Each structure stands twice: as structure tokens, then as C-alpha cells.
C-alpha atoms as a PDB file:
ATOM      1  CA  MET A   1      75.810 100.174 101.978  1.00  0.00           C
ATOM      2  CA  LEU A   2      79.125  98.395 102.401  1.00  0.00           C
ATOM      3  CA  LYS A   3      80.804  98.822 105.770  1.00  0.00           C
ATOM      4  CA  ILE A   4      84.398  97.615 106.241  1.00  0.00           C
ATOM      5  CA  TYR A   5      85.709  97.096 109.769  1.00  0.00           C
ATOM      6  CA  GLY A   6      89.472  97.324 109.933  1.00  0.00           C
ATOM      7  CA  ALA A   7      92.600  98.174 111.862  1.00  0.00           C
ATOM      8  CA  LYS A   8      96.293  98.438 111.066  1.00  0.00           C
ATOM      9  CA  THR A   9      96.599  94.955 109.593  1.00  0.00           C
ATOM     10  CA  PHE A  10      97.615  93.914 106.107  1.00  0.00           C
ATOM     11  CA  ASN A  11      94.475  91.827 105.788  1.00  0.00           C
ATOM     12  CA  ALA A  12      92.434  95.001 106.188  1.00  0.00           C
ATOM     13  CA  VAL A  13      94.517  96.596 103.430  1.00  0.00           C
ATOM     14  CA  LYS A  14      93.337  93.885 101.026  1.00  0.00           C
ATOM     15  CA  ALA A  15      89.679  94.771 101.432  1.00  0.00           C
ATOM     16  CA  VAL A  16      90.079  98.543 101.380  1.00  0.00           C
ATOM     17  CA  LEU A  17      92.428  98.477  98.398  1.00  0.00           C
ATOM     18  CA  THR A  18      89.995  96.254  96.490  1.00  0.00           C
ATOM     19  CA  ALA A  19      87.089  98.547  97.312  1.00  0.00           C
ATOM     20  CA  GLU A  20      89.045 101.561  96.075  1.00  0.00           C
ATOM     21  CA  GLU A  21      90.083  99.808  92.869  1.00  0.00           C
ATOM     22  CA  CYS A  22      86.507  98.693  92.215  1.00  0.00           C
ATOM     23  CA  GLY A  23      85.096 102.126  92.914  1.00  0.00           C
ATOM     24  CA  VAL A  24      82.433 100.911  95.330  1.00  0.00           C
ATOM     25  CA  ASP A  25      80.966 103.163  97.995  1.00  0.00           C
ATOM     26  CA  TYR A  26      81.937 102.032 101.460  1.00  0.00           C
ATOM     27  CA  GLU A  27      82.247 103.211 105.012  1.00  0.00           C
ATOM     28  CA  TYR A  28      85.454 102.394 106.848  1.00  0.00           C
ATOM     29  CA  VAL A  29      85.104 101.715 110.569  1.00  0.00           C
ATOM     30  CA  GLU A  30      88.368 101.632 112.505  1.00  0.00           C
ATOM     31  CA  LEU A  31      88.540  99.245 115.428  1.00  0.00           C
ATOM     32  CA  ASP A  32      90.983  99.678 118.295  1.00  0.00           C
ATOM     33  CA  PHE A  33      92.693  96.477 119.416  1.00  0.00           C
ATOM     34  CA  THR A  34      93.869  98.110 122.649  1.00  0.00           C
ATOM     35  CA  LYS A  35      90.291  98.883 123.641  1.00  0.00           C
ATOM     36  CA  GLY A  36      89.014  95.450 122.696  1.00  0.00           C
ATOM     37  CA  ASP A  37      86.671  96.765 120.019  1.00  0.00           C
ATOM     38  CA  HIS A  38      87.058  93.504 118.097  1.00  0.00           C
ATOM     39  CA  LYS A  39      85.738  91.469 121.024  1.00  0.00           C
ATOM     40  CA  GLN A  40      82.608  93.494 121.698  1.00  0.00           C
ATOM     41  CA  PRO A  41      79.308  91.582 121.366  1.00  0.00           C
ATOM     42  CA  ASP A  42      78.059  93.651 118.422  1.00  0.00           C
ATOM     43  CA  TYR A  43      81.234  93.011 116.436  1.00  0.00           C
ATOM     44  CA  MET A  44      81.284  89.323 117.360  1.00  0.00           C
ATOM     45  CA  LYS A  45      77.963  89.051 115.558  1.00  0.00           C
ATOM     46  CA  ILE A  46      79.801  90.123 112.387  1.00  0.00           C
ATOM     47  CA  HIS A  47      82.934  88.027 112.896  1.00  0.00           C
ATOM     48  CA  PRO A  48      82.320  85.061 115.220  1.00  0.00           C
ATOM     49  CA  LEU A  49      86.015  84.867 116.183  1.00  0.00           C
ATOM     50  CA  GLY A  50      86.442  88.588 116.749  1.00  0.00           C
ATOM     51  CA  LYS A  51      89.081  88.876 114.039  1.00  0.00           C
ATOM     52  CA  ILE A  52      89.846  91.849 111.796  1.00  0.00           C
ATOM     53  CA  PRO A  53      88.828  92.656 109.102  1.00  0.00           C
ATOM     54  CA  ALA A  54      85.164  91.929 108.482  1.00  0.00           C
ATOM     55  CA  MET A  55      82.385  93.788 106.737  1.00  0.00           C
ATOM     56  CA  GLU A  56      78.652  94.193 106.408  1.00  0.00           C
ATOM     57  CA  HIS A  57      76.701  94.651 103.198  1.00  0.00           C
ATOM     58  CA  ASN A  58      73.065  95.578 103.541  1.00  0.00           C
ATOM     59  CA  GLY A  59      73.146  94.107 107.032  1.00  0.00           C
ATOM     60  CA  ASN A  60      74.773  90.827 105.997  1.00  0.00           C
ATOM     61  CA  PRO A  61      78.057  89.937 107.744  1.00  0.00           C
ATOM     62  CA  ILE A  62      80.979  88.793 105.577  1.00  0.00           C
ATOM     63  CA  PHE A  63      84.453  87.869 106.797  1.00  0.00           C
ATOM     64  CA  GLU A  64      87.762  86.265 105.763  1.00  0.00           C
ATOM     65  CA  SER A  65      89.815  88.896 103.946  1.00  0.00           C
ATOM     66  CA  ASN A  66      90.308  87.074 100.632  1.00  0.00           C
ATOM     67  CA  ASN A  67      86.620  86.209 100.495  1.00  0.00           C
ATOM     68  CA  MET A  68      85.806  89.858 101.206  1.00  0.00           C
ATOM     69  CA  CYS A  69      87.900  90.933  98.230  1.00  0.00           C
ATOM     70  CA  ARG A  70      86.163  88.528  95.878  1.00  0.00           C
ATOM     71  CA  TYR A  71      82.772  89.655  97.139  1.00  0.00           C
ATOM     72  CA  ILE A  72      83.615  93.321  96.581  1.00  0.00           C
ATOM     73  CA  ALA A  73      84.739  92.487  93.051  1.00  0.00           C
ATOM     74  CA  ASN A  74      81.516  90.597  92.375  1.00  0.00           C
ATOM     75  CA  ILE A  75      79.182  93.368  93.565  1.00  0.00           C
ATOM     76  CA  SER A  76      81.061  95.911  91.449  1.00  0.00           C
ATOM     77  CA  GLY A  77      80.195  94.219  88.165  1.00  0.00           C
ATOM     78  CA  LYS A  78      83.092  91.750  88.228  1.00  0.00           C
ATOM     79  CA  LYS A  79      85.750  94.488  88.316  1.00  0.00           C
ATOM     80  CA  LEU A  80      89.101  92.852  89.154  1.00  0.00           C
ATOM     81  CA  TYR A  81      87.436  89.495  88.538  1.00  0.00           C
ATOM     82  CA  SER A  82      85.853  87.682  85.578  1.00  0.00           C
ATOM     83  CA  ASP A  83      82.708  85.971  84.309  1.00  0.00           C
ATOM     84  CA  ALA A  84      84.873  83.582  82.300  1.00  0.00           C
ATOM     85  CA  PRO A  85      85.364  80.354  84.304  1.00  0.00           C
ATOM     86  CA  LEU A  86      89.018  79.884  83.335  1.00  0.00           C
ATOM     87  CA  LYS A  87      90.013  83.484  84.053  1.00  0.00           C
ATOM     88  CA  ALA A  88      88.136  83.432  87.341  1.00  0.00           C
ATOM     89  CA  ALA A  89      89.935  80.206  88.270  1.00  0.00           C
ATOM     90  CA  GLN A  90      93.298  81.778  87.462  1.00  0.00           C
ATOM     91  CA  ILE A  91      92.506  84.737  89.696  1.00  0.00           C
ATOM     92  CA  ASP A  92      91.279  82.428  92.473  1.00  0.00           C
ATOM     93  CA  GLN A  93      94.431  80.378  92.028  1.00  0.00           C
ATOM     94  CA  MET A  94      96.597  83.445  92.598  1.00  0.00           C
ATOM     95  CA  VAL A  95      94.586  84.516  95.640  1.00  0.00           C
ATOM     96  CA  ASP A  96      94.973  81.020  97.110  1.00  0.00           C
ATOM     97  CA  PHE A  97      98.659  80.831  96.214  1.00  0.00           C
ATOM     98  CA  ILE A  98      99.261  84.042  98.134  1.00  0.00           C
ATOM     99  CA  GLY A  99      97.011  83.032 101.006  1.00  0.00           C
ATOM    100  CA  TYR A 100      98.267  79.497 101.525  1.00  0.00           C
ATOM    101  CA  HIS A 101     101.913  79.895 100.555  1.00  0.00           C
ATOM    102  CA  VAL A 102     103.634  83.266 100.028  1.00  0.00           C
ATOM    103  CA  GLY A 103     101.409  85.196 102.411  1.00  0.00           C
ATOM    104  CA  ARG A 104     101.591  82.479 105.025  1.00  0.00           C
ATOM    105  CA  TRP A 105     105.368  82.873 105.248  1.00  0.00           C
ATOM    106  CA  ILE A 106     105.406  86.660 104.978  1.00  0.00           C
ATOM    107  CA  THR A 107     103.064  86.653 107.961  1.00  0.00           C
ATOM    108  CA  VAL A 108     105.816  84.970 109.983  1.00  0.00           C
ATOM    109  CA  TYR A 109     107.933  88.120 109.585  1.00  0.00           C
ATOM    110  CA  PHE A 110     105.004  90.277 110.656  1.00  0.00           C
ATOM    111  CA  PHE A 111     104.301  88.157 113.727  1.00  0.00           C
ATOM    112  CA  GLN A 112     107.935  87.808 114.781  1.00  0.00           C
ATOM    113  CA  GLU A 113     109.139  91.353 114.124  1.00  0.00           C
ATOM    114  CA  ILE A 114     106.002  93.413 114.702  1.00  0.00           C
ATOM    115  CA  VAL A 115     103.569  91.544 116.943  1.00  0.00           C
ATOM    116  CA  LYS A 116     106.170  89.941 119.208  1.00  0.00           C
ATOM    117  CA  LYS A 117     108.898  92.568 119.181  1.00  0.00           C
ATOM    118  CA  VAL A 118     106.978  95.841 118.945  1.00  0.00           C
ATOM    119  CA  PHE A 119     103.784  95.010 120.800  1.00  0.00           C
ATOM    120  CA  ARG A 120     104.891  92.298 123.230  1.00  0.00           C
ATOM    121  CA  GLY A 121     108.522  93.254 123.793  1.00  0.00           C
ATOM    122  CA  VAL A 122     109.676  89.721 122.959  1.00  0.00           C
ATOM    123  CA  ASP A 123     112.664  88.997 120.718  1.00  0.00           C
ATOM    124  CA  PRO A 124     111.877  87.422 117.333  1.00  0.00           C
ATOM    125  CA  ASP A 125     112.665  83.732 116.851  1.00  0.00           C
ATOM    126  CA  PRO A 126     115.482  83.602 114.277  1.00  0.00           C
ATOM    127  CA  LYS A 127     114.681  79.983 113.421  1.00  0.00           C
ATOM    128  CA  ALA A 128     111.112  80.902 112.506  1.00  0.00           C
ATOM    129  CA  ILE A 129     112.330  83.713 110.264  1.00  0.00           C
ATOM    130  CA  GLU A 130     114.953  81.445 108.680  1.00  0.00           C
ATOM    131  CA  GLU A 131     112.300  78.856 107.910  1.00  0.00           C
ATOM    132  CA  ALA A 132     110.026  81.498 106.359  1.00  0.00           C
ATOM    133  CA  ALA A 133     112.892  82.846 104.250  1.00  0.00           C
ATOM    134  CA  GLY A 134     113.593  79.362 102.947  1.00  0.00           C
ATOM    135  CA  PHE A 135     110.046  78.789 101.770  1.00  0.00           C
ATOM    136  CA  LEU A 136     109.810  82.254 100.228  1.00  0.00           C
ATOM    137  CA  ALA A 137     113.026  81.619  98.308  1.00  0.00           C
ATOM    138  CA  GLU A 138     111.200  78.711  96.663  1.00  0.00           C
ATOM    139  CA  GLN A 139     107.913  80.519  96.067  1.00  0.00           C
ATOM    140  CA  LEU A 140     108.750  84.100  95.062  1.00  0.00           C
ATOM    141  CA  PRO A 141     110.552  83.090  91.823  1.00  0.00           C
ATOM    142  CA  TYR A 142     107.185  81.880  90.515  1.00  0.00           C
ATOM    143  CA  LEU A 143     105.728  85.381  90.918  1.00  0.00           C
ATOM    144  CA  GLU A 144     108.908  86.889  89.496  1.00  0.00           C
ATOM    145  CA  GLY A 145     108.489  84.786  86.379  1.00  0.00           C
ATOM    146  CA  LEU A 146     104.847  85.713  85.939  1.00  0.00           C
ATOM    147  CA  LEU A 147     105.662  89.401  86.202  1.00  0.00           C
ATOM    148  CA  ALA A 148     108.439  89.050  83.639  1.00  0.00           C
ATOM    149  CA  GLU A 149     105.747  88.160  81.104  1.00  0.00           C
ATOM    150  CA  ASN A 150     102.799  90.228  82.345  1.00  0.00           C
ATOM    151  CA  GLU A 151     102.113  93.642  83.783  1.00  0.00           C
ATOM    152  CA  PHE A 152     100.091  92.171  86.645  1.00  0.00           C
ATOM    153  CA  LEU A 153      99.979  88.807  88.369  1.00  0.00           C
ATOM    154  CA  CYS A 154      97.095  87.390  86.321  1.00  0.00           C
ATOM    155  CA  GLY A 155      97.784  89.078  83.002  1.00  0.00           C
ATOM    156  CA  ASP A 156      97.816  92.620  81.704  1.00  0.00           C
ATOM    157  CA  GLU A 157      94.889  93.819  83.812  1.00  0.00           C
ATOM    158  CA  ILE A 158      94.837  94.302  87.558  1.00  0.00           C
ATOM    159  CA  SER A 159      92.843  91.706  89.497  1.00  0.00           C
ATOM    160  CA  VAL A 160      91.858  90.766  93.021  1.00  0.00           C
ATOM    161  CA  GLY A 161      95.056  88.707  93.085  1.00  0.00           C
ATOM    162  CA  ASP A 162      97.148  91.862  92.836  1.00  0.00           C
ATOM    163  CA  CYS A 163      95.347  93.548  95.722  1.00  0.00           C
ATOM    164  CA  VAL A 164      95.759  90.508  97.951  1.00  0.00           C
ATOM    165  CA  ALA A 165      99.428  90.072  97.038  1.00  0.00           C
ATOM    166  CA  PHE A 166     100.262  93.763  97.386  1.00  0.00           C
ATOM    167  CA  ALA A 167      98.860  93.896 100.896  1.00  0.00           C
ATOM    168  CA  MET A 168     101.173  91.085 101.969  1.00  0.00           C
ATOM    169  CA  MET A 169     104.176  92.517 100.131  1.00  0.00           C
ATOM    170  CA  MET A 170     103.744  95.719 102.147  1.00  0.00           C
ATOM    171  CA  CYS A 171     105.490  93.820 104.949  1.00  0.00           C
ATOM    172  CA  SER A 172     108.725  94.447 103.030  1.00  0.00           C
ATOM    173  CA  GLU A 173     108.531  98.078 104.177  1.00  0.00           C
ATOM    174  CA  TYR A 174     108.148  97.272 107.874  1.00  0.00           C
ATOM    175  CA  THR A 175     110.097  94.051 108.486  1.00  0.00           C
ATOM    176  CA  THR A 176     113.325  92.428 107.293  1.00  0.00           C
ATOM    177  CA  PHE A 177     111.371  90.607 104.571  1.00  0.00           C
ATOM    178  CA  SER A 178     112.676  91.965 101.268  1.00  0.00           C
ATOM    179  CA  ILE A 179     111.665  91.890  97.608  1.00  0.00           C
ATOM    180  CA  GLY A 180     114.847  93.697  96.585  1.00  0.00           C
ATOM    181  CA  ASP A 181     116.325  90.689  94.802  1.00  0.00           C
ATOM    182  CA  TYR A 182     113.287  90.398  92.523  1.00  0.00           C
ATOM    183  CA  ALA A 183     113.312  93.097  89.860  1.00  0.00           C
ATOM    184  CA  ASN A 184     109.914  92.254  88.387  1.00  0.00           C
ATOM    185  CA  ILE A 185     108.167  91.994  91.737  1.00  0.00           C
ATOM    186  CA  THR A 186     109.729  95.304  92.732  1.00  0.00           C
ATOM    187  CA  ARG A 187     108.550  96.930  89.492  1.00  0.00           C
ATOM    188  CA  TRP A 188     105.035  95.604  90.052  1.00  0.00           C
ATOM    189  CA  TYR A 189     105.028  96.662  93.714  1.00  0.00           C
ATOM    190  CA  ASN A 190     106.053 100.227  92.898  1.00  0.00           C
ATOM    191  CA  GLN A 191     103.492 100.346  90.116  1.00  0.00           C
ATOM    192  CA  MET A 192     100.746  99.223  92.492  1.00  0.00           C
ATOM    193  CA  LYS A 193     101.867 101.746  95.068  1.00  0.00           C
ATOM    194  CA  ALA A 194     101.634 104.559  92.516  1.00  0.00           C
ATOM    195  CA  ARG A 195      97.958 103.829  91.806  1.00  0.00           C
ATOM    196  CA  PRO A 196      95.351 106.243  93.275  1.00  0.00           C
ATOM    197  CA  SER A 197      93.828 103.371  95.251  1.00  0.00           C
ATOM    198  CA  TYR A 198      96.946 103.145  97.428  1.00  0.00           C
ATOM    199  CA  GLY A 199      96.816 106.794  98.412  1.00  0.00           C
ATOM    200  CA  ALA A 200      93.101 106.565  99.129  1.00  0.00           C
ATOM    201  CA  MET A 201      93.609 103.445 101.248  1.00  0.00           C
ATOM    202  CA  MET A 202      96.359 105.103 103.270  1.00  0.00           C
ATOM    203  CA  GLN A 203      94.002 107.935 104.221  1.00  0.00           C
ATOM    204  CA  HIS A 204      92.492 105.536 106.729  1.00  0.00           C
ATOM    205  CA  PHE A 205      95.799 105.373 108.600  1.00  0.00           C
ATOM    206  CA  PRO A 206      96.687 108.925 109.727  1.00  0.00           C
ATOM    207  CA  GLY A 207     100.371 109.313 110.476  1.00  0.00           C
ATOM    208  CA  GLY A 208     101.329 106.514 108.140  1.00  0.00           C
ATOM    209  CA  TYR A 209     101.294 102.761 108.251  1.00  0.00           C
ATOM    210  CA  ARG A 210     104.041 102.310 110.808  1.00  0.00           C
ATOM    211  CA  PHE A 211     104.332 100.243 113.945  1.00  0.00           C
ATOM    212  CA  ASP A 212     107.245 101.786 115.826  1.00  0.00           C
END
């Protein structure tokens, strides 16, 4: 049995969305940051740093959200992934591109405008947001170009790369980060949001995925 431990974080969205798309059976366990659930000894055995998300499969702990997504794809018969080395590399490339570049800078918006402002009552650092916007202005056109030629980020079939990217792009609904200037990214985002997996994923967040 697959057990996913999550909370209201976009990294948790990646894993749950992938599980829904792959059609695997899983149990979702919500952890409460305010109660310190993620720092309890039992959970620290699953994630040694007490971070969210993490998961267990047949008693084996697995963590790091992008790795979790790939694992879910692999145990579902390579759904959203591939046995072909080149195709698998292209999907891995997209996951890494989002993780190391686009997602890294989108996370700045989340930290500045949600973590600091909403949860800590501290004003966002405009210089940090300006820096993130600058890098994203260089990186997002690459995704825009891919989606001008393909339905999804790695071709005409949905992949793990789409689930990982969509989770990060969700920040556009809750921060000043915007995809409005990118018609193809916006088309793709709305298409992903219309999939049954999105609605199923959101069921784990009663009252909506809001932070205010």
C-alpha cells in the first residue's frame, strides 16, 4: 500500500496529482505543521529532515517530491514515464529543469508572499521577488515554445514533467507570480486543471487551496 504524507504545499501536490494520473491506490495522510506533526519521531523515520511530503510503500520510506513522482510512475507500469531511454531522459530533463530553475524561482514568490507575509507577518522582500521575476523571464519562454509545438511539456502525452510543473505553476493563483503573458503555458495550465486528477487532488484540501 502506498501512503503519501502531505500538507498544503505545492510539493505535496506533485505526488498526489501523479498518483491520481497514474491510477494507483494510495492513502493520503495530512500532517499539521502547527502541531509539529512533521517533526514527530515516527515521521522523522520516514523523512530524516522532517520535511513534507514523503511517502511509504510497503513499509519503505521514500522522499524528495520529484523522486516520489518518478517512483509512482514506475510502480504504475511506467504511466507518465517511459521504458525508452531517450524519452525517459527527456522527461527527467523536464523534471530537473522545473526543479532546478523555474520551480526554484517560483518558490521565491511562495516564500516571500505566503510563508513570510501570511504566516510570519513579515513584509516580502521586493528585491528577492524582482530577482526571481528576472530569471523567470529568461526561463518561461522555453516552456512557452515547447507548448506551442506540443500538447504537453514532453510531447503529446502527459508525463511526470507536467505534474511537477503544474504544481509549481499553481503559485500563479496565490501570489503575484503570473503566467498571463504566456498564451501556451496558460492553455496548458487550464487544460491540466480541467483533468479529473486535479479535482481528485483538491479533495484533500477541504475549503480550497488558499492561504489567507
